[in-house]
């Protein structure tokens, strides 16, 4: 993933996972629960 970020230079990167907690992994990398993206509760 670091190589892709270095090559593509995105403003931010979201990592989607099935858990329930949102948190920052690095300065421009955030981990987001899938349920949050689809609007599920």
N, C-alpha and C. Protein backbone atom coordinates (compact mmCIF):
# COMPACT_ATOMS: atom_id res chain seq x y z
N UNK A 1 0.82 -1.18 0.00
CA UNK A 1 0.00 0.00 0.00
C UNK A 1 0.87 1.26 0.00
N UNK A 2 1.96 1.23 0.68
CA UNK A 2 2.84 2.42 0.72
C UNK A 2 3.36 2.78 -0.66
N UNK A 3 3.64 1.79 -1.48
CA UNK A 3 4.12 2.06 -2.84
C UNK A 3 3.01 2.69 -3.67
N UNK A 4 1.80 2.19 -3.54
CA UNK A 4 0.66 2.74 -4.28
C UNK A 4 0.42 4.19 -3.87
N UNK A 5 0.47 4.47 -2.58
CA UNK A 5 0.28 5.83 -2.09
C UNK A 5 1.38 6.74 -2.62
N UNK A 6 2.61 6.27 -2.62
CA UNK A 6 3.73 7.06 -3.12
C UNK A 6 3.58 7.34 -4.61
N UNK A 7 3.12 6.36 -5.37
CA UNK A 7 2.95 6.54 -6.82
C UNK A 7 1.75 7.41 -7.17
N UNK A 8 0.62 7.18 -6.50
CA UNK A 8 -0.62 7.87 -6.85
C UNK A 8 -0.79 9.22 -6.16
N UNK A 9 -0.14 9.40 -5.01
CA UNK A 9 -0.19 10.63 -4.23
C UNK A 9 -1.62 11.11 -3.95
N UNK A 10 -2.46 10.25 -3.36
CA UNK A 10 -3.82 10.69 -3.03
C UNK A 10 -3.81 11.67 -1.84
N UNK A 11 -4.85 12.49 -1.75
CA UNK A 11 -4.96 13.42 -0.62
C UNK A 11 -5.22 12.67 0.67
N UNK A 12 -6.00 11.58 0.58
CA UNK A 12 -6.25 10.74 1.73
C UNK A 12 -6.54 9.32 1.26
N UNK A 13 -6.44 8.38 2.18
CA UNK A 13 -6.69 6.97 1.87
C UNK A 13 -7.57 6.39 2.97
N UNK A 14 -8.66 5.75 2.56
CA UNK A 14 -9.55 5.09 3.51
C UNK A 14 -9.38 3.58 3.40
N UNK A 15 -9.16 2.94 4.53
CA UNK A 15 -9.07 1.49 4.60
C UNK A 15 -10.39 1.03 5.22
N UNK A 16 -11.15 0.25 4.48
CA UNK A 16 -12.46 -0.21 4.94
C UNK A 16 -12.32 -1.60 5.57
N UNK A 17 -12.94 -1.77 6.75
CA UNK A 17 -12.85 -3.07 7.43
C UNK A 17 -14.18 -3.36 8.11
N UNK A 18 -14.43 -4.62 8.50
CA UNK A 18 -15.73 -4.99 9.05
C UNK A 18 -15.91 -4.66 10.53
N UNK A 19 -14.96 -4.01 11.15
CA UNK A 19 -15.06 -3.68 12.57
C UNK A 19 -16.00 -2.53 12.84
N UNK A 20 -15.97 -1.99 14.05
CA UNK A 20 -16.90 -0.96 14.43
C UNK A 20 -16.29 0.35 14.89
N UNK A 21 -14.98 0.49 14.78
CA UNK A 21 -14.31 1.69 15.29
C UNK A 21 -13.55 2.39 14.18
N UNK A 22 -13.71 3.70 14.08
CA UNK A 22 -12.98 4.51 13.10
C UNK A 22 -11.73 5.07 13.78
N UNK A 23 -10.60 5.01 13.11
CA UNK A 23 -9.38 5.56 13.69
C UNK A 23 -8.37 5.90 12.60
N UNK A 24 -7.46 6.80 12.95
CA UNK A 24 -6.41 7.23 12.02
C UNK A 24 -5.22 6.30 12.16
N UNK A 25 -4.75 5.82 11.01
CA UNK A 25 -3.60 4.91 10.99
C UNK A 25 -2.31 5.69 10.80
N UNK A 26 -2.36 6.67 9.92
CA UNK A 26 -1.24 7.57 9.66
C UNK A 26 -1.82 8.94 9.34
N UNK A 27 -0.98 9.90 9.00
CA UNK A 27 -1.43 11.26 8.76
C UNK A 27 -2.56 11.33 7.73
N UNK A 28 -2.45 10.61 6.63
CA UNK A 28 -3.46 10.67 5.57
C UNK A 28 -4.17 9.33 5.35
N UNK A 29 -4.07 8.44 6.32
CA UNK A 29 -4.69 7.12 6.20
C UNK A 29 -5.65 6.92 7.37
N UNK A 30 -6.93 6.68 7.04
CA UNK A 30 -7.94 6.48 8.07
C UNK A 30 -8.62 5.13 7.87
N UNK A 31 -8.84 4.42 8.96
CA UNK A 31 -9.52 3.12 8.93
C UNK A 31 -10.99 3.38 9.26
N UNK A 32 -11.87 2.88 8.39
CA UNK A 32 -13.30 3.19 8.50
C UNK A 32 -14.11 1.89 8.49
N UNK A 33 -15.07 1.75 9.41
CA UNK A 33 -15.93 0.58 9.41
C UNK A 33 -16.83 0.56 8.17
N UNK A 34 -17.02 -0.60 7.58
CA UNK A 34 -17.87 -0.74 6.42
C UNK A 34 -19.28 -0.24 6.70
N UNK A 35 -19.82 -0.55 7.87
CA UNK A 35 -21.17 -0.14 8.22
C UNK A 35 -21.33 1.37 8.15
N UNK A 36 -20.29 2.12 8.49
CA UNK A 36 -20.34 3.57 8.44
C UNK A 36 -20.46 4.07 7.00
N UNK A 37 -19.80 3.41 6.09
CA UNK A 37 -19.83 3.83 4.69
C UNK A 37 -21.16 3.52 4.01
N UNK A 38 -21.82 2.45 4.42
CA UNK A 38 -23.08 2.09 3.80
C UNK A 38 -24.28 2.62 4.58
N UNK A 39 -24.03 3.32 5.67
CA UNK A 39 -25.11 3.92 6.45
C UNK A 39 -25.85 2.96 7.35
N UNK A 40 -25.30 1.80 7.61
CA UNK A 40 -25.93 0.82 8.50
C UNK A 40 -25.70 1.23 9.96
N UNK A 41 -26.58 0.77 10.82
CA UNK A 41 -26.43 1.09 12.25
C UNK A 41 -26.22 -0.16 13.06
